Protein backbone atom coordinates (compact mmCIF):
# COMPACT_ATOMS: atom_id res chain seq x y z
CA UNK A 1 -2.08 -29.47 -3.72
CA UNK A 2 -4.77 -26.80 -3.90
CA UNK A 3 -7.24 -26.78 -1.03
CA UNK A 4 -10.84 -26.99 -2.12
CA UNK A 5 -13.01 -24.21 -0.67
CA UNK A 6 -16.60 -25.20 0.17
CA UNK A 7 -19.54 -23.39 -1.35
CA UNK A 8 -22.61 -22.70 0.76
CA UNK A 9 -25.67 -20.57 1.22
CA UNK A 10 -25.69 -18.82 4.58
CA UNK A 11 -26.57 -15.59 6.38
CA UNK A 12 -24.81 -14.20 9.44
CA UNK A 13 -26.17 -11.28 11.47
CA UNK A 14 -23.81 -9.91 14.12
CA UNK A 15 -25.15 -6.73 15.68
CA UNK A 16 -25.77 -4.42 12.74
CA UNK A 17 -23.48 -6.42 10.48
CA UNK A 18 -25.39 -8.60 8.02
CA UNK A 19 -23.56 -10.81 5.58
CA UNK A 20 -25.67 -11.19 2.48
CA UNK A 21 -26.40 -14.72 1.24
CA UNK A 22 -24.23 -16.16 -1.49
CA UNK A 23 -26.07 -17.92 -4.28
CA UNK A 24 -25.22 -21.61 -4.31
CA UNK A 25 -25.14 -21.55 -8.10
CA UNK A 26 -22.42 -18.87 -8.20
CA UNK A 27 -19.24 -20.87 -8.89
CA UNK A 28 -16.97 -17.83 -8.42
CA UNK A 29 -18.27 -16.81 -4.99
CA UNK A 30 -15.28 -18.23 -3.15
CA UNK A 31 -12.62 -17.97 -5.83
CA UNK A 32 -9.54 -16.07 -4.63
CA UNK A 33 -9.57 -12.43 -5.73
CA UNK A 34 -6.79 -11.69 -8.23
CA UNK A 35 -4.99 -9.24 -5.98
CA UNK A 36 -1.33 -8.36 -6.48
CA UNK A 37 -0.18 -7.38 -2.98
CA UNK A 38 -2.95 -8.64 -0.71
CA UNK A 39 -3.08 -12.38 -0.01
CA UNK A 40 -6.04 -13.24 -2.22
CA UNK A 41 -5.84 -16.98 -1.62
CA UNK A 42 -5.67 -16.52 2.13
CA UNK A 43 -8.56 -14.05 2.02
CA UNK A 44 -10.72 -16.50 0.08
CA UNK A 45 -9.98 -19.26 2.55
CA UNK A 46 -10.82 -17.10 5.54
CA UNK A 47 -13.97 -15.80 3.91
CA UNK A 48 -15.18 -19.31 3.11
CA UNK A 49 -14.47 -20.56 6.63
CA UNK A 50 -16.35 -17.67 8.21
CA UNK A 51 -19.32 -18.09 5.90
CA UNK A 52 -19.47 -21.86 6.41
CA UNK A 53 -19.19 -21.78 10.18
CA UNK A 54 -21.71 -20.77 12.82
CA UNK A 55 -19.12 -18.80 14.76
CA UNK A 56 -19.18 -15.09 15.50
CA UNK A 57 -17.88 -13.00 12.65
CA UNK A 58 -14.25 -12.04 13.16
CA UNK A 59 -13.82 -8.79 15.16
CA UNK A 60 -11.64 -7.41 12.38
CA UNK A 61 -14.65 -7.52 10.05
CA UNK A 62 -16.70 -5.55 12.55
CA UNK A 63 -13.98 -2.89 12.69
CA UNK A 64 -13.71 -2.90 8.90
CA UNK A 65 -17.46 -2.36 8.59
CA UNK A 66 -17.35 0.62 10.96
CA UNK A 67 -14.52 2.17 8.97
CA UNK A 68 -16.32 1.51 5.69
CA UNK A 69 -19.49 3.14 7.02
CA UNK A 70 -17.45 6.29 7.69
CA UNK A 71 -15.99 6.10 4.19
CA UNK A 72 -19.53 6.11 2.77
CA UNK A 73 -19.89 9.68 4.06
CA UNK A 74 -16.68 10.94 2.41
CA UNK A 75 -15.64 11.80 -1.13
CA UNK A 76 -15.35 11.45 -3.98
CA UNK A 77 -12.24 13.54 -4.51
CA UNK A 78 -10.82 14.98 -7.72
CA UNK A 79 -7.76 16.91 -8.83
CA UNK A 80 -9.93 19.55 -10.48
CA UNK A 81 -11.46 20.72 -7.19
CA UNK A 82 -8.27 22.42 -5.95
CA UNK A 83 -8.06 26.20 -5.80
CA UNK A 84 -4.52 26.57 -7.18
CA UNK A 85 -3.67 26.01 -10.83
CA UNK A 86 -0.59 23.91 -11.77
CA UNK A 87 2.15 25.55 -13.87
CA UNK A 88 0.68 23.81 -16.93
CA UNK A 89 -2.57 25.72 -16.50
CA UNK A 90 -4.46 22.40 -16.46
CA UNK A 91 -6.22 21.51 -13.20
CA UNK A 92 -6.25 17.87 -14.28
CA UNK A 93 -2.52 17.83 -13.54
CA UNK A 94 -1.60 16.64 -10.06
CA UNK A 95 0.36 19.05 -7.87
CA UNK A 96 1.83 18.79 -4.37
CA UNK A 97 4.62 20.42 -2.37
CA UNK A 98 7.52 18.75 -0.60
CA UNK A 99 6.46 17.79 2.94
CA UNK A 100 9.62 18.96 4.68
CA UNK A 101 10.04 22.34 2.99
CA UNK A 102 9.13 25.54 4.84
CA UNK A 103 9.14 29.29 4.15
CA UNK A 104 12.49 30.88 4.95
CA UNK A 105 11.80 33.28 7.86
CA UNK A 106 14.67 35.48 6.68
CA UNK A 107 13.05 36.17 3.30
CA UNK A 108 10.12 38.59 2.85
CA UNK A 109 8.16 36.11 0.70
CA UNK A 110 9.65 33.01 2.35
CA UNK A 111 11.26 31.89 -0.92
CA UNK A 112 13.13 29.84 -1.69
CA UNK A 113 11.80 27.41 0.89
CA UNK A 114 14.22 25.68 3.29
CA UNK A 115 14.26 22.04 4.40
CA UNK A 116 13.41 20.70 7.87
CA UNK A 117 13.71 16.92 7.60
CA UNK A 118 10.88 15.05 9.28
CA UNK A 119 8.80 18.17 10.00
CA UNK A 120 5.74 18.33 7.74
CA UNK A 121 4.67 21.77 6.54
CA UNK A 122 0.86 21.98 6.94
CA UNK A 123 0.70 23.74 3.56
CA UNK A 124 1.00 20.26 2.06
CA UNK A 125 -2.56 19.55 3.18
CA UNK A 126 -3.87 22.05 0.63
CA UNK A 127 -2.74 20.05 -2.42
CA UNK A 128 -3.74 16.99 -4.43
CA UNK A 129 -1.81 14.51 -2.26
CA UNK A 130 -4.67 14.66 0.27
CA UNK A 131 -7.38 13.65 -2.18
CA UNK A 132 -5.18 11.01 -3.78
CA UNK A 133 -4.38 9.39 -0.45
CA UNK A 134 -8.03 9.45 0.62
CA UNK A 135 -9.16 8.00 -2.71
CA UNK A 136 -6.71 5.12 -2.45
CA UNK A 137 -7.14 4.48 1.27
CA UNK A 138 -10.93 4.77 1.38
CA UNK A 139 -11.22 2.91 -1.89
CA UNK A 140 -9.33 -0.06 -0.49
CA UNK A 141 -11.30 -0.03 2.77
CA UNK A 142 -14.59 -0.03 0.85
CA UNK A 143 -13.42 -2.76 -1.52
CA UNK A 144 -12.36 -4.95 1.40
CA UNK A 145 -15.67 -4.29 3.16
CA UNK A 146 -17.49 -5.30 -0.02
CA UNK A 147 -15.46 -8.48 -0.29
CA UNK A 148 -16.11 -9.60 3.28
CA UNK A 149 -19.74 -8.44 3.69
CA UNK A 150 -21.09 -8.32 0.11
CA UNK A 151 -22.85 -5.07 1.00
CA UNK A 152 -23.33 -3.38 -2.39
CA UNK A 153 -23.25 0.10 -0.82
CA UNK A 154 -19.53 -0.40 -0.22
CA UNK A 155 -18.74 -1.54 -3.75
CA UNK A 156 -20.79 1.24 -5.32
CA UNK A 157 -19.07 4.00 -3.36
CA UNK A 158 -15.64 2.44 -3.78
CA UNK A 159 -16.19 2.27 -7.52
CA UNK A 160 -17.34 5.90 -7.58
CA UNK A 161 -14.16 7.03 -5.81
CA UNK A 162 -11.97 5.33 -8.42
CA UNK A 163 -14.05 6.49 -11.39
CA UNK A 164 -13.99 10.10 -10.23
CA UNK A 165 -10.24 10.29 -9.65
CA UNK A 166 -9.03 8.20 -12.60
CA UNK A 167 -11.68 7.64 -15.27
CA UNK A 168 -14.42 10.26 -15.63
CA UNK A 169 -13.13 12.78 -18.24
CA UNK A 170 -14.35 15.89 -16.46
CA UNK A 171 -12.67 14.96 -13.15
CA UNK A 172 -9.83 12.53 -13.99
CA UNK A 173 -6.20 13.12 -13.09
CA UNK A 174 -3.79 13.33 -16.00
CA UNK A 175 -1.43 10.34 -15.91
CA UNK A 176 1.71 12.21 -14.89
CA UNK A 177 3.42 13.63 -11.83
CA UNK A 178 5.17 16.55 -13.46
CA UNK A 179 4.42 18.78 -10.48
CA UNK A 180 4.81 16.36 -7.60
CA UNK A 181 6.50 17.69 -4.44
CA UNK A 182 7.32 21.10 -5.84
CA UNK A 183 9.44 23.45 -3.71
CA UNK A 184 8.31 27.09 -3.84
CA UNK A 185 11.11 29.25 -5.11
CA UNK A 186 13.20 26.26 -6.19
CA UNK A 187 11.42 23.84 -8.54
CA UNK A 188 7.98 23.21 -10.05
CA UNK A 189 8.27 19.46 -9.45
CA UNK A 190 10.75 16.68 -8.72
CA UNK A 191 11.32 13.00 -9.38
CA UNK A 192 11.23 12.56 -5.62
CA UNK A 193 7.54 13.47 -5.83
CA UNK A 194 6.80 10.10 -7.40
CA UNK A 195 6.68 8.58 -3.93
CA UNK A 196 3.36 10.43 -3.56
CA UNK A 197 1.80 7.78 -5.81
CA UNK A 198 2.99 4.77 -3.81
CA UNK A 199 -0.57 4.66 -2.47
CA UNK A 200 -1.75 3.76 -5.98
CA UNK A 201 -0.58 0.22 -5.27
CA UNK A 202 -3.52 -0.03 -2.87
CA UNK A 203 -5.86 1.41 -5.49
CA UNK A 204 -4.87 -1.41 -7.86
CA UNK A 205 -5.84 -4.05 -5.32
CA UNK A 206 -9.03 -2.13 -4.55
CA UNK A 207 -9.99 -2.27 -8.23
CA UNK A 208 -9.17 -5.98 -8.41
CA UNK A 209 -11.41 -6.65 -5.40
CA UNK A 210 -14.19 -4.57 -6.93
CA UNK A 211 -14.05 -6.76 -10.03
CA UNK A 212 -15.97 -9.30 -7.93
CA UNK A 213 -18.89 -6.84 -7.70
CA UNK A 214 -21.52 -5.58 -10.11
CA UNK A 215 -20.52 -1.99 -9.35
CA UNK A 216 -17.23 -2.25 -11.27
CA UNK A 217 -17.90 -2.91 -14.94
CA UNK A 218 -15.67 -4.37 -17.61
CA UNK A 219 -15.50 -0.87 -19.11
CA UNK A 220 -14.32 0.51 -15.77
CA UNK A 221 -11.64 -2.15 -15.57
CA UNK A 222 -10.41 -1.44 -19.10
CA UNK A 223 -10.35 2.30 -18.52
CA UNK A 224 -8.42 2.04 -15.27
CA UNK A 225 -5.89 -0.35 -16.79
CA UNK A 226 -5.44 2.11 -19.64
CA UNK A 227 -4.82 4.93 -17.14
CA UNK A 228 -2.18 2.86 -15.36
CA UNK A 229 -0.56 1.93 -18.66
CA UNK A 230 -0.24 5.64 -19.46
CA UNK A 231 1.15 6.43 -16.02
CA UNK A 232 3.57 3.51 -16.30
CA UNK A 233 4.83 4.93 -19.61
CA UNK A 234 5.38 8.30 -17.91
CA UNK A 235 7.17 6.67 -14.97
CA UNK A 236 9.60 4.85 -17.24
CA UNK A 237 10.25 7.57 -19.82
CA UNK A 238 9.96 10.98 -18.20
CA UNK A 239 12.92 12.85 -16.72
CA UNK A 240 11.30 12.74 -13.28
CA UNK A 241 10.84 8.99 -13.60
CA UNK A 242 14.43 8.41 -14.68
CA UNK A 243 15.63 10.61 -11.79
CA UNK A 244 13.64 8.57 -9.28
CA UNK A 245 14.94 5.32 -10.72
CA UNK A 246 18.50 6.52 -10.00
CA UNK A 247 17.88 7.25 -6.31
CA UNK A 248 19.50 5.04 -3.67
CA UNK A 249 17.07 4.88 -0.75
CA UNK A 250 13.36 4.23 -0.12
CA UNK A 251 12.51 6.31 -3.19
CA UNK A 252 14.21 3.73 -5.41
CA UNK A 253 12.48 0.83 -3.66
CA UNK A 254 9.04 2.37 -3.94
CA UNK A 255 9.70 3.39 -7.55
CA UNK A 256 10.39 -0.24 -8.48
CA UNK A 257 7.35 -1.41 -6.51
CA UNK A 258 5.13 1.00 -8.42
CA UNK A 259 6.52 0.12 -11.83
CA UNK A 260 6.25 -3.63 -11.21
CA UNK A 261 2.73 -3.39 -9.77
CA UNK A 262 1.36 -1.12 -12.47
CA UNK A 263 2.97 -3.21 -15.21
CA UNK A 264 1.34 -6.39 -13.93
CA UNK A 265 -2.02 -4.65 -13.62
CA UNK A 266 -1.75 -3.09 -17.08
CA UNK A 267 -0.96 -6.45 -18.69
CA UNK A 268 2.76 -5.90 -19.22
CA UNK A 269 4.35 -8.77 -17.27
CA UNK A 270 7.63 -8.57 -19.19
CA UNK A 271 8.15 -5.02 -17.91
CA UNK A 272 7.48 -6.17 -14.36
CA UNK A 273 9.78 -9.16 -14.75
CA UNK A 274 12.65 -7.01 -16.02
CA UNK A 275 12.35 -4.67 -13.05
CA UNK A 276 11.99 -7.44 -10.48
CA UNK A 277 14.88 -9.44 -11.93
CA UNK A 278 17.21 -6.55 -11.05
CA UNK A 279 15.89 -5.76 -7.58
CA UNK A 280 18.31 -8.09 -5.78
CA UNK A 281 21.44 -6.41 -7.11
CA UNK A 282 20.18 -2.85 -7.60
CA UNK A 283 18.13 -2.40 -4.43
CA UNK A 284 18.61 -5.14 -1.81
CA UNK A 285 22.39 -5.43 -2.03
CA UNK A 286 22.83 -1.66 -2.02
CA UNK A 287 20.39 -0.89 0.79
CA UNK A 288 20.58 -3.71 3.36
CA UNK A 289 23.75 -4.40 5.29
CA UNK A 290 24.84 -7.86 6.43
CA UNK A 291 23.42 -7.14 9.90
CA UNK A 292 20.04 -6.18 8.38
CA UNK A 293 20.29 -2.42 8.97
CA UNK A 294 19.31 -0.01 6.20
CA UNK A 295 22.00 2.70 6.18
CA UNK A 296 20.23 5.17 3.90
CA UNK A 297 17.21 5.23 6.20
CA UNK A 298 19.24 5.43 9.41
CA UNK A 299 20.44 8.92 8.44
CA UNK A 300 16.92 10.34 8.63
CA UNK A 301 15.41 12.26 11.55
CA UNK A 302 12.69 9.58 11.71
CA UNK A 303 15.02 6.67 11.08
CA UNK A 304 12.72 4.01 12.57
CA UNK A 305 9.74 5.07 10.50
CA UNK A 306 11.80 5.20 7.32
CA UNK A 307 13.39 1.81 7.98
CA UNK A 308 9.94 0.24 8.35
CA UNK A 309 8.58 2.11 5.33
CA UNK A 310 11.44 1.00 3.10
CA UNK A 311 11.14 -2.59 4.30
CA UNK A 312 7.45 -2.54 3.41
CA UNK A 313 8.41 -1.65 -0.15
CA UNK A 314 10.81 -4.60 -0.20
CA UNK A 315 8.00 -6.88 1.02
CA UNK A 316 5.82 -5.55 -1.81
CA UNK A 317 8.57 -6.25 -4.33
CA UNK A 318 9.01 -9.82 -3.06
CA UNK A 319 5.24 -10.36 -3.27
CA UNK A 320 5.09 -8.98 -6.80
CA UNK A 321 8.08 -11.10 -7.78
CA UNK A 322 6.15 -14.21 -6.77
CA UNK A 323 3.73 -13.45 -9.63
CA UNK A 324 6.55 -13.82 -12.18
CA UNK A 325 8.38 -16.73 -10.49
CA UNK A 326 11.25 -14.69 -9.06
CA UNK A 327 12.25 -15.38 -5.45
CA UNK A 328 13.33 -12.25 -3.60
CA UNK A 329 12.34 -13.48 -0.15
CA UNK A 330 15.47 -15.59 0.18
CA UNK A 331 17.97 -13.44 -1.67
CA UNK A 332 21.17 -12.91 0.29
CA UNK A 333 24.79 -12.28 -0.55
CA UNK A 334 28.16 -12.38 1.18
CA UNK A 335 28.46 -8.61 1.34
CA UNK A 336 24.85 -7.64 2.05
CA UNK A 337 21.78 -8.73 3.91
CA UNK A 338 18.36 -9.78 2.68
CA UNK A 339 14.76 -8.90 3.35
CA UNK A 340 14.48 -11.29 6.30
CA UNK A 341 17.70 -9.90 7.80
CA UNK A 342 16.21 -6.40 7.66
CA UNK A 343 13.09 -7.55 9.48
CA UNK A 344 15.03 -9.47 12.12
CA UNK A 345 17.21 -6.42 12.70
CA UNK A 346 14.16 -4.31 13.57
CA UNK A 347 12.23 -6.79 15.72
CA UNK A 348 14.21 -6.39 19.00
CA UNK A 349 13.65 -2.63 18.87
CA UNK A 350 9.94 -3.06 18.16
CA UNK A 351 9.73 -5.35 21.21
CA UNK A 352 11.68 -2.81 23.34
CA UNK A 353 14.42 -5.36 23.95
CA UNK A 354 17.00 -2.89 22.62
CA UNK A 355 17.19 0.88 22.60
CA UNK A 356 17.10 2.50 19.16
CA UNK A 357 20.40 4.34 18.78
CA UNK A 358 19.49 6.43 15.76
CA UNK A 359 17.62 9.72 15.48
CA UNK A 360 13.84 9.41 15.80
CA UNK A 361 12.17 12.75 16.48
CA UNK A 362 8.78 11.12 17.10
CA UNK A 363 8.08 8.25 19.54
CA UNK A 364 9.17 4.84 18.24
CA UNK A 365 6.03 2.83 17.51
CA UNK A 366 6.90 -0.86 17.38
CA UNK A 367 3.41 -1.77 16.20
CA UNK A 368 4.24 -0.28 12.79
CA UNK A 369 6.25 -3.45 12.15
CA UNK A 370 3.35 -5.80 12.92
CA UNK A 371 1.92 -6.21 9.43
CA UNK A 372 5.34 -7.11 8.05
CA UNK A 373 5.84 -9.64 10.84
CA UNK A 374 2.59 -11.36 9.81
CA UNK A 375 3.62 -11.32 6.16
CA UNK A 376 6.97 -12.85 7.13
CA UNK A 377 5.20 -15.55 9.12
CA UNK A 378 3.42 -16.56 5.92
CA UNK A 379 6.28 -16.04 3.45
CA UNK A 380 8.86 -17.92 5.52
CA UNK A 381 6.44 -20.37 7.15
CA UNK A 382 7.97 -19.30 10.45
CA UNK A 383 5.71 -19.65 13.52
CA UNK A 384 8.00 -17.66 15.81
CA UNK A 385 6.97 -14.50 14.00
CA UNK A 386 3.47 -15.06 15.39
CA UNK A 387 4.98 -14.98 18.87
CA UNK A 388 6.53 -11.63 18.01
CA UNK A 389 3.06 -10.34 17.12
CA UNK A 390 1.78 -11.28 20.56
CA UNK A 391 4.51 -9.13 22.07
CA UNK A 392 3.62 -6.17 19.87
CA UNK A 393 -0.17 -6.35 20.30
CA UNK A 394 -2.62 -7.34 22.99
CA UNK A 395 -5.08 -10.12 22.16
CA UNK A 396 -7.81 -7.53 21.52
CA UNK A 397 -5.53 -5.54 19.23
CA UNK A 398 -4.55 -8.68 17.36
CA UNK A 399 -8.17 -9.68 16.90
CA UNK A 400 -9.11 -6.41 15.20
CA UNK A 401 -5.89 -5.76 13.23
CA UNK A 402 -6.46 -5.10 9.53
CA UNK A 403 -3.76 -7.60 8.58
CA UNK A 404 -6.04 -10.38 9.87
CA UNK A 405 -8.16 -9.67 6.81
CA UNK A 406 -5.57 -8.93 4.13
CA UNK A 407 -2.83 -11.36 5.27
CA UNK A 408 -4.77 -14.01 7.20
CA UNK A 409 -3.09 -17.06 8.60
CA UNK A 410 0.34 -17.47 10.12
CA UNK A 411 1.12 -20.44 12.36
CA UNK A 412 1.20 -19.71 16.08
CA UNK A 413 3.96 -20.89 18.37
CA UNK A 414 4.04 -20.70 22.15
CA UNK A 415 7.77 -20.00 22.17
CA UNK A 416 8.58 -16.30 22.60
């Protein structure tokens, strides 16, 4: 049974944070936002409870506001502002270089570049991946801040970031990744570069949150959906896209997550359903062992980080599958593990109960698993995952964690 969410008129002022009043006659004020990855229903419930109560605003909102205020001073970004020109001669084309490729010290010009897995070449910071990541990340922060505070400054700037990168003709990115993760001296672009646009999943939810504001018009929404429809076509039909679809590790998982997300956003649910229907056999069974380990990620020099990153893509796929009535959360087979097995495999290492036996050239940060633990608490209705969170974070850290806003809830349990 659906829980009814109260409507009210109220104003909270906490320090410099002011929550604008909601008009009592606005019937949509507390409707769940139509997000695809974020827990829109949970967000609406939390928002309504905070607005209806006389309690102090959640510390996570205070942190979100501070981050959003910083975002107001940054951007917008555009692909046409870069100094280099892509091989096409069109600055509207996105270009980046592979993160782990470096000049060969034995060659006068350094070419062809050589690979150092896990070591990021700072040259990468000179390309379009920086602006894209900032557009998506700041855009989502501003959209969330708008949703929880109703401060129109946040929605206006968030909308401007998205318009500049995707919509405005003089600054918009062409809907392709022909030159993603190029390797100087070797290739002008690769299918592997498509993982650069995994952050676009956050941009989709940012746009859906902004649809609750006056700053994001119906024309904006149509234009952005059209852009994603064009990019989806490129993902599914280009050589780079087909190459990425055939990969076997996190690249394959994130490719499917992008295709499914963009298809749902662009109004092509059948495309999303076809992809998600095959995830169990094509991705889960081939990437997760019976014990929950992810063998393709364990070969990397940052095996912990890659295991968590790949699992996040699986969580996204399971969440997207819920929209088309496909259950990936509970998929399991005799010869492979499932999504929950992969999470449970990682938890003892995150809690420092076991020593990670695989290569990890940077310190193992167990807190990177926290958001997925909260999502598992909700998806599996399992309170013990909340106990895991209390081992990963202090009470203060828990109170201000971003997942308290985007995946609220989770039933606590005193058992550790």
